[in-house]
PDB file of N, CA and C in Angstrom:
ATOM      1  N   MET A   1     169.964  -2.040 148.272  1.00  0.00           N
ATOM      2  CA  MET A   1     170.091  -0.351 147.809  1.00  0.00           C
ATOM      3  C   MET A   1     169.062  -0.239 146.493  1.00  0.00           C
ATOM      4  N   ARG A   2     168.336   0.783 146.889  1.00  0.00           N
ATOM      5  CA  ARG A   2     167.301   1.139 145.909  1.00  0.00           C
ATOM      6  C   ARG A   2     167.994   1.983 144.605  1.00  0.00           C
ATOM      7  N   LEU A   3     167.935   1.681 143.311  1.00  0.00           N
ATOM      8  CA  LEU A   3     168.498   2.520 142.485  1.00  0.00           C
ATOM      9  C   LEU A   3     167.509   3.899 142.186  1.00  0.00           C
ATOM     10  N   VAL A   4     168.157   5.016 142.084  1.00  0.00           N
ATOM     11  CA  VAL A   4     167.400   6.111 141.689  1.00  0.00           C
ATOM     12  C   VAL A   4     167.138   6.106 140.266  1.00  0.00           C
ATOM     13  N   GLN A   5     165.641   6.403 140.010  1.00  0.00           N
ATOM     14  CA  GLN A   5     165.126   6.244 138.727  1.00  0.00           C
ATOM     15  C   GLN A   5     165.108   7.668 138.165  1.00  0.00           C
ATOM     16  N   PRO A   6     165.751   8.036 137.001  1.00  0.00           N
ATOM     17  CA  PRO A   6     165.562   9.489 136.529  1.00  0.00           C
ATOM     18  C   PRO A   6     164.118   9.679 136.238  1.00  0.00           C
ATOM     19  N   VAL A   7     164.045  11.097 136.098  1.00  0.00           N
ATOM     20  CA  VAL A   7     162.587  11.472 136.008  1.00  0.00           C
ATOM     21  C   VAL A   7     162.923  12.590 134.658  1.00  0.00           C
ATOM     22  N   LEU A   8     161.933  12.323 133.612  1.00  0.00           N
ATOM     23  CA  LEU A   8     162.087  13.372 132.454  1.00  0.00           C
ATOM     24  C   LEU A   8     161.052  14.418 132.917  1.00  0.00           C
ATOM     25  N   ILE A   9     161.428  15.628 132.652  1.00  0.00           N
ATOM     26  CA  ILE A   9     160.747  16.837 132.728  1.00  0.00           C
ATOM     27  C   ILE A   9     160.870  17.707 131.434  1.00  0.00           C
ATOM     28  N   GLN A  10     159.728  17.874 131.007  1.00  0.00           N
ATOM     29  CA  GLN A  10     159.795  18.997 129.859  1.00  0.00           C
ATOM     30  C   GLN A  10     158.612  20.031 130.075  1.00  0.00           C
ATOM     31  N   VAL A  11     159.164  21.147 129.290  1.00  0.00           N
ATOM     32  CA  VAL A  11     157.968  22.325 129.570  1.00  0.00           C
ATOM     33  C   VAL A  11     157.780  22.776 128.211  1.00  0.00           C
ATOM     34  N   THR A  12     156.514  23.065 127.969  1.00  0.00           N
ATOM     35  CA  THR A  12     156.097  23.565 126.817  1.00  0.00           C
ATOM     36  C   THR A  12     155.073  24.779 127.066  1.00  0.00           C
ATOM     37  N   GLU A  13     154.830  25.615 126.005  1.00  0.00           N
ATOM     38  CA  GLU A  13     153.856  26.895 126.227  1.00  0.00           C
ATOM     39  C   GLU A  13     152.586  26.381 125.515  1.00  0.00           C
ATOM     40  N   LEU A  14     151.617  26.837 125.942  1.00  0.00           N
ATOM     41  CA  LEU A  14     150.083  26.557 125.310  1.00  0.00           C
ATOM     42  C   LEU A  14     149.378  27.782 125.555  1.00  0.00           C
ATOM     43  N   GLY A  15     148.309  27.880 124.977  1.00  0.00           N
ATOM     44  CA  GLY A  15     147.317  28.967 124.972  1.00  0.00           C
ATOM     45  C   GLY A  15     147.528  29.935 123.684  1.00  0.00           C
ATOM     46  N   PRO A  16     146.528  30.927 123.605  1.00  0.00           N
ATOM     47  CA  PRO A  16     146.742  31.747 122.398  1.00  0.00           C
ATOM     48  C   PRO A  16     147.989  32.645 122.564  1.00  0.00           C
ATOM     49  N   GLN A  17     148.192  32.999 123.600  1.00  0.00           N
ATOM     50  CA  GLN A  17     149.316  33.924 123.879  1.00  0.00           C
ATOM     51  C   GLN A  17     150.466  33.243 124.598  1.00  0.00           C
ATOM     52  N   ASN A  18     150.642  31.945 124.501  1.00  0.00           N
ATOM     53  CA  ASN A  18     151.551  31.257 125.346  1.00  0.00           C
ATOM     54  C   ASN A  18     151.667  31.562 126.920  1.00  0.00           C
ATOM     55  N   GLU A  19     150.396  31.907 127.436  1.00  0.00           N
ATOM     56  CA  GLU A  19     150.245  32.251 128.850  1.00  0.00           C
ATOM     57  C   GLU A  19     150.168  30.978 129.885  1.00  0.00           C
ATOM     58  N   ILE A  20     150.245  29.852 129.226  1.00  0.00           N
ATOM     59  CA  ILE A  20     149.969  28.572 130.078  1.00  0.00           C
ATOM     60  C   ILE A  20     151.419  27.678 130.069  1.00  0.00           C
ATOM     61  N   ASN A  21     151.973  27.265 131.014  1.00  0.00           N
ATOM     62  CA  ASN A  21     153.080  26.405 130.781  1.00  0.00           C
ATOM     63  C   ASN A  21     152.616  24.985 131.246  1.00  0.00           C
ATOM     64  N   LEU A  22     152.906  23.981 130.402  1.00  0.00           N
ATOM     65  CA  LEU A  22     152.694  22.528 130.529  1.00  0.00           C
ATOM     66  C   LEU A  22     153.934  22.060 130.994  1.00  0.00           C
ATOM     67  N   ILE A  23     154.066  21.357 131.850  1.00  0.00           N
ATOM     68  CA  ILE A  23     155.151  20.518 132.498  1.00  0.00           C
ATOM     69  C   ILE A  23     154.682  19.183 132.495  1.00  0.00           C
ATOM     70  N   TYR A  24     155.421  18.450 131.642  1.00  0.00           N
ATOM     71  CA  TYR A  24     155.211  17.064 131.251  1.00  0.00           C
ATOM     72  C   TYR A  24     156.192  16.297 132.164  1.00  0.00           C
ATOM     73  N   VAL A  25     155.839  15.267 133.204  1.00  0.00           N
ATOM     74  CA  VAL A  25     156.644  14.521 133.896  1.00  0.00           C
ATOM     75  C   VAL A  25     156.447  13.068 133.555  1.00  0.00           C
ATOM     76  N   ASP A  26     157.602  12.406 133.500  1.00  0.00           N
ATOM     77  CA  ASP A  26     157.827  10.764 133.079  1.00  0.00           C
ATOM     78  C   ASP A  26     158.699  10.378 134.155  1.00  0.00           C
ATOM     79  N   GLY A  27     158.376   9.587 135.060  1.00  0.00           N
ATOM     80  CA  GLY A  27     159.096   8.857 135.869  1.00  0.00           C
ATOM     81  C   GLY A  27     158.381   8.950 137.512  1.00  0.00           C
ATOM     82  N   GLU A  28     159.117   8.573 138.307  1.00  0.00           N
ATOM     83  CA  GLU A  28     158.723   8.598 139.734  1.00  0.00           C
ATOM     84  C   GLU A  28     158.954  10.044 140.426  1.00  0.00           C
ATOM     85  N   LEU A  29     158.113  10.720 141.238  1.00  0.00           N
ATOM     86  CA  LEU A  29     158.576  11.827 141.930  1.00  0.00           C
ATOM     87  C   LEU A  29     158.720  11.274 143.383  1.00  0.00           C
ATOM     88  N   ASP A  30     160.032  10.737 143.767  1.00  0.00           N
ATOM     89  CA  ASP A  30     160.265  10.483 144.852  1.00  0.00           C
ATOM     90  C   ASP A  30     161.234  11.485 145.548  1.00  0.00           C
ATOM     91  N   THR A  31     161.848  11.140 146.823  1.00  0.00           N
ATOM     92  CA  THR A  31     162.467  12.127 147.680  1.00  0.00           C
ATOM     93  C   THR A  31     163.831  12.428 146.696  1.00  0.00           C
ATOM     94  N   ASP A  32     164.355  11.463 146.030  1.00  0.00           N
ATOM     95  CA  ASP A  32     165.602  11.665 145.341  1.00  0.00           C
ATOM     96  C   ASP A  32     165.375  12.737 144.043  1.00  0.00           C
ATOM     97  N   ASN A  33     164.380  12.529 143.295  1.00  0.00           N
ATOM     98  CA  ASN A  33     164.078  13.391 142.245  1.00  0.00           C
ATOM     99  C   ASN A  33     163.076  14.374 142.108  1.00  0.00           C
ATOM    100  N   ALA A  34     162.245  14.525 143.007  1.00  0.00           N
ATOM    101  CA  ALA A  34     161.117  15.365 143.071  1.00  0.00           C
ATOM    102  C   ALA A  34     161.705  16.749 143.260  1.00  0.00           C
ATOM    103  N   PRO A  35     162.881  17.111 143.852  1.00  0.00           N
ATOM    104  CA  PRO A  35     163.259  18.439 143.815  1.00  0.00           C
ATOM    105  C   PRO A  35     163.759  18.950 142.416  1.00  0.00           C
ATOM    106  N   GLU A  36     163.878  18.085 141.359  1.00  0.00           N
ATOM    107  CA  GLU A  36     164.133  18.464 140.053  1.00  0.00           C
ATOM    108  C   GLU A  36     162.875  19.207 139.392  1.00  0.00           C
ATOM    109  N   LEU A  37     161.817  18.587 139.899  1.00  0.00           N
ATOM    110  CA  LEU A  37     160.423  19.290 139.407  1.00  0.00           C
ATOM    111  C   LEU A  37     160.256  20.548 140.197  1.00  0.00           C
ATOM    112  N   GLY A  38     160.646  20.621 141.383  1.00  0.00           N
ATOM    113  CA  GLY A  38     160.556  21.924 142.155  1.00  0.00           C
ATOM    114  C   GLY A  38     161.455  22.903 141.464  1.00  0.00           C
ATOM    115  N   LYS A  39     162.425  22.696 141.056  1.00  0.00           N
ATOM    116  CA  LYS A  39     163.467  23.488 140.477  1.00  0.00           C
ATOM    117  C   LYS A  39     162.706  24.204 139.181  1.00  0.00           C
ATOM    118  N   VAL A  40     162.181  23.372 138.566  1.00  0.00           N
ATOM    119  CA  VAL A  40     161.338  23.681 137.067  1.00  0.00           C
ATOM    120  C   VAL A  40     160.257  24.679 137.381  1.00  0.00           C
ATOM    121  N   ILE A  41     159.566  24.186 138.479  1.00  0.00           N
ATOM    122  CA  ILE A  41     158.666  25.212 138.769  1.00  0.00           C
ATOM    123  C   ILE A  41     158.980  26.519 139.329  1.00  0.00           C
ATOM    124  N   ASP A  42     160.045  26.439 140.065  1.00  0.00           N
ATOM    125  CA  ASP A  42     160.680  27.626 140.706  1.00  0.00           C
ATOM    126  C   ASP A  42     161.130  28.489 139.467  1.00  0.00           C
ATOM    127  N   SER A  43     161.759  28.047 138.562  1.00  0.00           N
ATOM    128  CA  SER A  43     162.158  28.809 137.459  1.00  0.00           C
ATOM    129  C   SER A  43     161.034  29.516 136.747  1.00  0.00           C
ATOM    130  N   LEU A  44     160.046  28.709 136.480  1.00  0.00           N
ATOM    131  CA  LEU A  44     158.916  29.245 135.900  1.00  0.00           C
ATOM    132  C   LEU A  44     158.372  30.398 136.797  1.00  0.00           C
ATOM    133  N   MET A  45     158.211  30.334 137.922  1.00  0.00           N
ATOM    134  CA  MET A  45     157.653  31.446 138.896  1.00  0.00           C
ATOM    135  C   MET A  45     158.554  32.573 138.923  1.00  0.00           C
ATOM    136  N   GLU A  46     159.679  32.434 138.799  1.00  0.00           N
ATOM    137  CA  GLU A  46     160.877  33.699 138.585  1.00  0.00           C
ATOM    138  C   GLU A  46     160.567  34.448 137.452  1.00  0.00           C
ATOM    139  N   LYS A  47     160.215  33.649 136.418  1.00  0.00           N
ATOM    140  CA  LYS A  47     159.817  34.552 135.044  1.00  0.00           C
ATOM    141  C   LYS A  47     158.382  34.856 135.028  1.00  0.00           C
ATOM    142  N   LYS A  48     157.794  34.795 136.395  1.00  0.00           N
ATOM    143  CA  LYS A  48     156.389  35.378 136.353  1.00  0.00           C
ATOM    144  C   LYS A  48     155.371  34.436 135.524  1.00  0.00           C
ATOM    145  N   ARG A  49     155.693  33.183 135.564  1.00  0.00           N
ATOM    146  CA  ARG A  49     154.655  32.029 134.832  1.00  0.00           C
ATOM    147  C   ARG A  49     154.175  31.434 135.795  1.00  0.00           C
ATOM    148  N   TYR A  50     152.631  31.869 135.994  1.00  0.00           N
ATOM    149  CA  TYR A  50     152.038  31.256 137.107  1.00  0.00           C
ATOM    150  C   TYR A  50     150.810  30.442 136.740  1.00  0.00           C
ATOM    151  N   ASN A  51     150.496  30.205 135.394  1.00  0.00           N
ATOM    152  CA  ASN A  51     149.418  29.170 134.981  1.00  0.00           C
ATOM    153  C   ASN A  51     150.274  28.123 134.535  1.00  0.00           C
ATOM    154  N   LEU A  52     150.177  27.173 135.506  1.00  0.00           N
ATOM    155  CA  LEU A  52     150.854  25.876 135.192  1.00  0.00           C
ATOM    156  C   LEU A  52     149.869  24.667 135.047  1.00  0.00           C
ATOM    157  N   ILE A  53     150.320  23.797 134.354  1.00  0.00           N
ATOM    158  CA  ILE A  53     149.579  22.481 134.275  1.00  0.00           C
ATOM    159  C   ILE A  53     150.551  21.676 134.237  1.00  0.00           C
ATOM    160  N   ILE A  54     150.409  20.427 135.026  1.00  0.00           N
ATOM    161  CA  ILE A  54     151.460  19.297 135.244  1.00  0.00           C
ATOM    162  C   ILE A  54     150.757  18.252 134.857  1.00  0.00           C
ATOM    163  N   ASP A  55     151.403  17.473 133.786  1.00  0.00           N
ATOM    164  CA  ASP A  55     150.781  16.251 133.207  1.00  0.00           C
ATOM    165  C   ASP A  55     151.775  15.199 133.854  1.00  0.00           C
ATOM    166  N   LEU A  56     150.776  14.549 134.735  1.00  0.00           N
ATOM    167  CA  LEU A  56     151.292  13.316 135.561  1.00  0.00           C
ATOM    168  C   LEU A  56     150.818  11.879 134.958  1.00  0.00           C
ATOM    169  N   GLY A  57     150.604  11.867 133.739  1.00  0.00           N
ATOM    170  CA  GLY A  57     149.982  10.625 132.955  1.00  0.00           C
ATOM    171  C   GLY A  57     150.993   9.477 133.107  1.00  0.00           C
ATOM    172  N   LYS A  58     152.340   9.855 133.092  1.00  0.00           N
ATOM    173  CA  LYS A  58     153.421   8.699 133.044  1.00  0.00           C
ATOM    174  C   LYS A  58     154.072   8.797 134.430  1.00  0.00           C
ATOM    175  N   VAL A  59     153.244   9.157 135.478  1.00  0.00           N
ATOM    176  CA  VAL A  59     154.012   9.044 136.988  1.00  0.00           C
ATOM    177  C   VAL A  59     153.104   8.000 137.647  1.00  0.00           C
ATOM    178  N   ASN A  60     153.851   7.137 138.008  1.00  0.00           N
ATOM    179  CA  ASN A  60     153.261   5.887 138.788  1.00  0.00           C
ATOM    180  C   ASN A  60     153.680   5.941 140.262  1.00  0.00           C
ATOM    181  N   TYR A  61     154.276   6.980 140.684  1.00  0.00           N
ATOM    182  CA  TYR A  61     154.533   7.050 142.140  1.00  0.00           C
ATOM    183  C   TYR A  61     154.836   8.454 142.571  1.00  0.00           C
ATOM    184  N   ILE A  62     154.244   9.036 143.590  1.00  0.00           N
ATOM    185  CA  ILE A  62     154.606  10.284 144.223  1.00  0.00           C
ATOM    186  C   ILE A  62     154.626  10.160 145.524  1.00  0.00           C
ATOM    187  N   SER A  63     156.007  10.435 146.100  1.00  0.00           N
ATOM    188  CA  SER A  63     156.122  10.443 147.670  1.00  0.00           C
ATOM    189  C   SER A  63     155.588  11.716 148.152  1.00  0.00           C
ATOM    190  N   SER A  64     155.716  11.660 149.675  1.00  0.00           N
ATOM    191  CA  SER A  64     155.283  12.749 150.330  1.00  0.00           C
ATOM    192  C   SER A  64     156.206  14.095 149.837  1.00  0.00           C
ATOM    193  N   THR A  65     157.563  13.773 149.535  1.00  0.00           N
ATOM    194  CA  THR A  65     158.368  14.852 148.947  1.00  0.00           C
ATOM    195  C   THR A  65     157.736  15.418 147.725  1.00  0.00           C
ATOM    196  N   GLY A  66     157.383  14.633 146.792  1.00  0.00           N
ATOM    197  CA  GLY A  66     156.660  14.995 145.440  1.00  0.00           C
ATOM    198  C   GLY A  66     155.342  15.674 145.669  1.00  0.00           C
ATOM    199  N   TRP A  67     154.422  15.395 146.746  1.00  0.00           N
ATOM    200  CA  TRP A  67     153.220  16.263 146.698  1.00  0.00           C
ATOM    201  C   TRP A  67     153.672  17.428 147.462  1.00  0.00           C
ATOM    202  N   ALA A  68     154.623  17.491 148.174  1.00  0.00           N
ATOM    203  CA  ALA A  68     155.068  18.839 148.799  1.00  0.00           C
ATOM    204  C   ALA A  68     155.517  19.840 147.903  1.00  0.00           C
ATOM    205  N   ILE A  69     156.067  19.156 146.663  1.00  0.00           N
ATOM    206  CA  ILE A  69     156.642  20.267 145.657  1.00  0.00           C
ATOM    207  C   ILE A  69     155.317  20.946 145.180  1.00  0.00           C
ATOM    208  N   PHE A  70     154.268  20.359 145.097  1.00  0.00           N
ATOM    209  CA  PHE A  70     152.999  21.142 144.641  1.00  0.00           C
ATOM    210  C   PHE A  70     152.438  22.151 145.752  1.00  0.00           C
ATOM    211  N   THR A  71     152.216  21.467 146.819  1.00  0.00           N
ATOM    212  CA  THR A  71     151.594  22.356 148.085  1.00  0.00           C
ATOM    213  C   THR A  71     152.342  23.443 148.390  1.00  0.00           C
ATOM    214  N   SER A  72     153.673  23.312 148.444  1.00  0.00           N
ATOM    215  CA  SER A  72     154.608  24.363 148.959  1.00  0.00           C
ATOM    216  C   SER A  72     154.572  25.680 148.126  1.00  0.00           C
ATOM    217  N   ARG A  73     154.303  25.482 146.654  1.00  0.00           N
ATOM    218  CA  ARG A  73     154.071  26.593 145.798  1.00  0.00           C
ATOM    219  C   ARG A  73     152.999  27.161 145.590  1.00  0.00           C
ATOM    220  N   LEU A  74     151.776  26.382 145.880  1.00  0.00           N
ATOM    221  CA  LEU A  74     150.514  26.784 145.446  1.00  0.00           C
ATOM    222  C   LEU A  74     150.146  28.036 146.126  1.00  0.00           C
ATOM    223  N   LYS A  75     150.413  28.539 147.127  1.00  0.00           N
ATOM    224  CA  LYS A  75     150.064  29.817 147.849  1.00  0.00           C
ATOM    225  C   LYS A  75     150.656  30.948 146.855  1.00  0.00           C
ATOM    226  N   GLU A  76     151.888  31.063 146.651  1.00  0.00           N
ATOM    227  CA  GLU A  76     152.466  31.973 145.844  1.00  0.00           C
ATOM    228  C   GLU A  76     151.857  32.076 144.404  1.00  0.00           C
ATOM    229  N   ILE A  77     151.696  30.846 143.919  1.00  0.00           N
ATOM    230  CA  ILE A  77     151.002  30.812 142.614  1.00  0.00           C
ATOM    231  C   ILE A  77     149.714  31.714 142.590  1.00  0.00           C
ATOM    232  N   ARG A  78     148.930  31.183 143.565  1.00  0.00           N
ATOM    233  CA  ARG A  78     147.526  31.726 143.565  1.00  0.00           C
ATOM    234  C   ARG A  78     147.576  33.211 144.026  1.00  0.00           C
ATOM    235  N   GLN A  79     148.500  33.491 144.761  1.00  0.00           N
ATOM    236  CA  GLN A  79     148.772  34.946 145.043  1.00  0.00           C
ATOM    237  C   GLN A  79     149.062  36.009 144.036  1.00  0.00           C
ATOM    238  N   ASN A  80     149.451  35.252 143.032  1.00  0.00           N
ATOM    239  CA  ASN A  80     149.779  35.941 141.532  1.00  0.00           C
ATOM    240  C   ASN A  80     148.891  35.700 140.499  1.00  0.00           C
ATOM    241  N   ARG A  81     147.821  35.421 140.842  1.00  0.00           N
ATOM    242  CA  ARG A  81     146.387  35.185 140.016  1.00  0.00           C
ATOM    243  C   ARG A  81     146.743  33.863 139.136  1.00  0.00           C
ATOM    244  N   GLY A  82     147.572  32.968 139.482  1.00  0.00           N
ATOM    245  CA  GLY A  82     147.825  31.848 138.707  1.00  0.00           C
ATOM    246  C   GLY A  82     147.079  30.564 139.414  1.00  0.00           C
ATOM    247  N   ASP A  83     147.435  29.424 138.703  1.00  0.00           N
ATOM    248  CA  ASP A  83     146.977  28.243 139.280  1.00  0.00           C
ATOM    249  C   ASP A  83     147.884  27.156 138.915  1.00  0.00           C
ATOM    250  N   LEU A  84     147.823  25.873 139.606  1.00  0.00           N
ATOM    251  CA  LEU A  84     148.610  24.722 139.418  1.00  0.00           C
ATOM    252  C   LEU A  84     147.510  23.655 139.221  1.00  0.00           C
ATOM    253  N   LYS A  85     147.296  23.244 137.890  1.00  0.00           N
ATOM    254  CA  LYS A  85     146.287  22.092 137.448  1.00  0.00           C
ATOM    255  C   LYS A  85     147.050  20.885 137.404  1.00  0.00           C
ATOM    256  N   LEU A  86     146.581  19.661 137.688  1.00  0.00           N
ATOM    257  CA  LEU A  86     147.104  18.462 137.704  1.00  0.00           C
ATOM    258  C   LEU A  86     146.243  17.512 136.578  1.00  0.00           C
ATOM    259  N   VAL A  87     146.988  16.823 135.800  1.00  0.00           N
ATOM    260  CA  VAL A  87     146.341  16.445 134.538  1.00  0.00           C
ATOM    261  C   VAL A  87     146.831  14.743 134.756  1.00  0.00           C
ATOM    262  N   GLY A  88     145.926  13.779 134.207  1.00  0.00           N
ATOM    263  CA  GLY A  88     146.375  12.511 133.981  1.00  0.00           C
ATOM    264  C   GLY A  88     146.756  11.635 135.060  1.00  0.00           C
ATOM    265  N   LEU A  89     146.060  11.966 136.108  1.00  0.00           N
ATOM    266  CA  LEU A  89     146.512  11.138 137.356  1.00  0.00           C
ATOM    267  C   LEU A  89     146.263   9.570 137.116  1.00  0.00           C
ATOM    268  N   LEU A  90     147.176   8.620 137.284  1.00  0.00           N
ATOM    269  CA  LEU A  90     146.605   7.315 137.301  1.00  0.00           C
ATOM    270  C   LEU A  90     145.810   6.839 138.385  1.00  0.00           C
ATOM    271  N   PRO A  91     145.160   5.760 138.346  1.00  0.00           N
ATOM    272  CA  PRO A  91     144.261   5.460 139.329  1.00  0.00           C
ATOM    273  C   PRO A  91     144.805   5.192 140.620  1.00  0.00           C
ATOM    274  N   ASP A  92     145.922   4.746 140.906  1.00  0.00           N
ATOM    275  CA  ASP A  92     146.719   4.593 142.093  1.00  0.00           C
ATOM    276  C   ASP A  92     147.047   5.959 142.752  1.00  0.00           C
ATOM    277  N   ILE A  93     147.701   6.666 141.793  1.00  0.00           N
ATOM    278  CA  ILE A  93     147.949   8.119 142.293  1.00  0.00           C
ATOM    279  C   ILE A  93     146.684   8.804 142.715  1.00  0.00           C
ATOM    280  N   TYR A  94     145.754   8.932 141.930  1.00  0.00           N
ATOM    281  CA  TYR A  94     144.406   9.572 142.196  1.00  0.00           C
ATOM    282  C   TYR A  94     143.859   9.135 143.539  1.00  0.00           C
ATOM    283  N   GLU A  95     144.126   7.781 143.910  1.00  0.00           N
ATOM    284  CA  GLU A  95     143.543   7.133 145.200  1.00  0.00           C
ATOM    285  C   GLU A  95     144.174   8.074 146.265  1.00  0.00           C
ATOM    286  N   VAL A  96     145.627   8.134 146.178  1.00  0.00           N
ATOM    287  CA  VAL A  96     146.195   8.985 147.320  1.00  0.00           C
ATOM    288  C   VAL A  96     145.936  10.445 147.186  1.00  0.00           C
ATOM    289  N   PHE A  97     145.771  10.863 146.138  1.00  0.00           N
ATOM    290  CA  PHE A  97     145.419  12.389 145.872  1.00  0.00           C
ATOM    291  C   PHE A  97     143.983  12.598 146.698  1.00  0.00           C
ATOM    292  N   GLU A  98     143.102  11.854 146.661  1.00  0.00           N
ATOM    293  CA  GLU A  98     141.724  11.993 147.381  1.00  0.00           C
ATOM    294  C   GLU A  98     142.118  11.484 148.957  1.00  0.00           C
ATOM    295  N   LEU A  99     142.831  10.671 148.999  1.00  0.00           N
ATOM    296  CA  LEU A  99     143.206  10.284 150.440  1.00  0.00           C
ATOM    297  C   LEU A  99     143.458  11.400 151.224  1.00  0.00           C
ATOM    298  N   LEU A 100     144.491  12.114 150.641  1.00  0.00           N
ATOM    299  CA  LEU A 100     145.247  13.250 151.210  1.00  0.00           C
ATOM    300  C   LEU A 100     144.206  14.475 151.208  1.00  0.00           C
ATOM    301  N   GLU A 101     143.010  14.178 150.497  1.00  0.00           N
ATOM    302  CA  GLU A 101     142.238  15.353 150.419  1.00  0.00           C
ATOM    303  C   GLU A 101     142.721  16.506 149.489  1.00  0.00           C
ATOM    304  N   PHE A 102     143.724  16.322 148.589  1.00  0.00           N
ATOM    305  CA  PHE A 102     144.264  17.204 147.798  1.00  0.00           C
ATOM    306  C   PHE A 102     143.193  17.727 146.571  1.00  0.00           C
ATOM    307  N   HIS A 103     142.155  16.947 146.451  1.00  0.00           N
ATOM    308  CA  HIS A 103     141.093  17.178 145.507  1.00  0.00           C
ATOM    309  C   HIS A 103     140.428  18.470 145.876  1.00  0.00           C
ATOM    310  N   ARG A 104     140.536  18.762 147.364  1.00  0.00           N
ATOM    311  CA  ARG A 104     139.696  20.038 147.790  1.00  0.00           C
ATOM    312  C   ARG A 104     140.882  21.369 147.519  1.00  0.00           C
ATOM    313  N   ILE A 105     142.044  21.213 147.319  1.00  0.00           N
ATOM    314  CA  ILE A 105     142.802  22.118 146.891  1.00  0.00           C
ATOM    315  C   ILE A 105     143.418  22.448 145.515  1.00  0.00           C
ATOM    316  N   PHE A 106     143.468  21.221 144.768  1.00  0.00           N
ATOM    317  CA  PHE A 106     143.965  21.288 143.407  1.00  0.00           C
ATOM    318  C   PHE A 106     142.941  20.729 142.537  1.00  0.00           C
ATOM    319  N   SER A 107     142.811  21.289 141.364  1.00  0.00           N
ATOM    320  CA  SER A 107     141.992  20.588 140.252  1.00  0.00           C
ATOM    321  C   SER A 107     142.710  19.700 139.670  1.00  0.00           C
ATOM    322  N   SER A 108     141.924  18.698 139.178  1.00  0.00           N
ATOM    323  CA  SER A 108     142.526  17.595 138.471  1.00  0.00           C
ATOM    324  C   SER A 108     141.701  17.274 137.234  1.00  0.00           C
ATOM    325  N   TYR A 109     142.300  16.955 136.077  1.00  0.00           N
ATOM    326  CA  TYR A 109     141.719  16.969 134.763  1.00  0.00           C
ATOM    327  C   TYR A 109     142.160  15.676 134.168  1.00  0.00           C
ATOM    328  N   SER A 110     141.298  14.966 133.182  1.00  0.00           N
ATOM    329  CA  SER A 110     141.592  13.878 132.346  1.00  0.00           C
ATOM    330  C   SER A 110     142.585  14.175 131.394  1.00  0.00           C
ATOM    331  N   SER A 111     142.510  15.486 130.790  1.00  0.00           N
ATOM    332  CA  SER A 111     143.364  15.913 129.609  1.00  0.00           C
ATOM    333  C   SER A 111     143.877  17.110 129.825  1.00  0.00           C
ATOM    334  N   VAL A 112     144.931  17.362 129.167  1.00  0.00           N
ATOM    335  CA  VAL A 112     145.547  18.614 129.007  1.00  0.00           C
ATOM    336  C   VAL A 112     144.561  19.536 128.430  1.00  0.00           C
ATOM    337  N   GLU A 113     143.894  19.418 127.447  1.00  0.00           N
ATOM    338  CA  GLU A 113     142.991  20.214 126.816  1.00  0.00           C
ATOM    339  C   GLU A 113     141.961  20.674 127.648  1.00  0.00           C
ATOM    340  N   ASP A 114     141.430  19.759 128.540  1.00  0.00           N
ATOM    341  CA  ASP A 114     140.587  20.368 129.586  1.00  0.00           C
ATOM    342  C   ASP A 114     141.017  21.254 130.657  1.00  0.00           C
ATOM    343  N   ALA A 115     142.188  21.112 130.892  1.00  0.00           N
ATOM    344  CA  ALA A 115     142.881  22.066 131.917  1.00  0.00           C
ATOM    345  C   ALA A 115     143.025  23.440 131.250  1.00  0.00           C
ATOM    346  N   VAL A 116     143.474  23.435 129.848  1.00  0.00           N
ATOM    347  CA  VAL A 116     143.682  24.664 129.240  1.00  0.00           C
ATOM    348  C   VAL A 116     142.578  25.312 128.882  1.00  0.00           C
ATOM    349  N   LYS A 117     141.349  24.505 128.750  1.00  0.00           N
ATOM    350  CA  LYS A 117     139.899  25.419 128.569  1.00  0.00           C
ATOM    351  C   LYS A 117     139.657  26.025 129.980  1.00  0.00           C
ATOM    352  N   GLU A 118     140.002  25.194 131.154  1.00  0.00           N
ATOM    353  CA  GLU A 118     139.620  26.025 132.332  1.00  0.00           C
ATOM    354  C   GLU A 118     140.421  27.227 132.410  1.00  0.00           C
ATOM    355  N   PHE A 119     141.596  27.284 132.188  1.00  0.00           N
ATOM    356  CA  PHE A 119     142.366  28.367 132.249  1.00  0.00           C
ATOM    357  C   PHE A 119     141.988  29.563 131.498  1.00  0.00           C
ATOM    358  N   LEU A 120     141.466  29.172 130.332  1.00  0.00           N
ATOM    359  CA  LEU A 120     140.953  30.255 129.130  1.00  0.00           C
ATOM    360  C   LEU A 120     139.552  30.687 129.456  1.00  0.00           C
ATOM    361  N   GLY A 121     138.916  30.169 130.525  1.00  0.00           N
ATOM    362  CA  GLY A 121     137.560  30.237 130.780  1.00  0.00           C
ATOM    363  C   GLY A 121     136.594  29.719 130.001  1.00  0.00           C
ATOM    364  N   ASN A 122     137.174  28.685 129.331  1.00  0.00           N
ATOM    365  CA  ASN A 122     136.011  27.856 128.470  1.00  0.00           C
ATOM    366  C   ASN A 122     135.727  26.705 129.092  1.00  0.00           C
ATOM    367  N   GLY A 123     135.933  26.383 130.361  1.00  0.00           N
ATOM    368  CA  GLY A 123     135.726  25.118 130.972  1.00  0.00           C
ATOM    369  C   GLY A 123     134.237  24.848 131.071  1.00  0.00           C
ATOM    370  N   THR A 124     133.920  23.449 131.060  1.00  0.00           N
ATOM    371  CA  THR A 124     132.377  23.079 131.081  1.00  0.00           C
ATOM    372  C   THR A 124     131.794  23.034 132.535  1.00  0.00           C
TER     373      THR A 124
END
């Protein structure tokens, strides 16, 4: 029997007018705990917060349920002139990200600062 590993999720506001939400995730995004992240994203969307950065630098596993958390909300986020940017993908996670061709629909960044610059129109 596999033990469910808890996931830590923290949300902070960034940007000159706190217009960006950073969601920091630490742990595995598997079938058991990925819905927690979905609830956090849904809560932000209910508050009309559509500029989201998800820091996955401490996530070493994302199941199909975890990936679905991102893809299932992307349309509504973009319809509301927002975006969901991923940060800090570890090499094994990035490999799956590319294999699934998510690099075609999501932007990924090495740092939170780079993702914030992109939201603010200062990207390189």
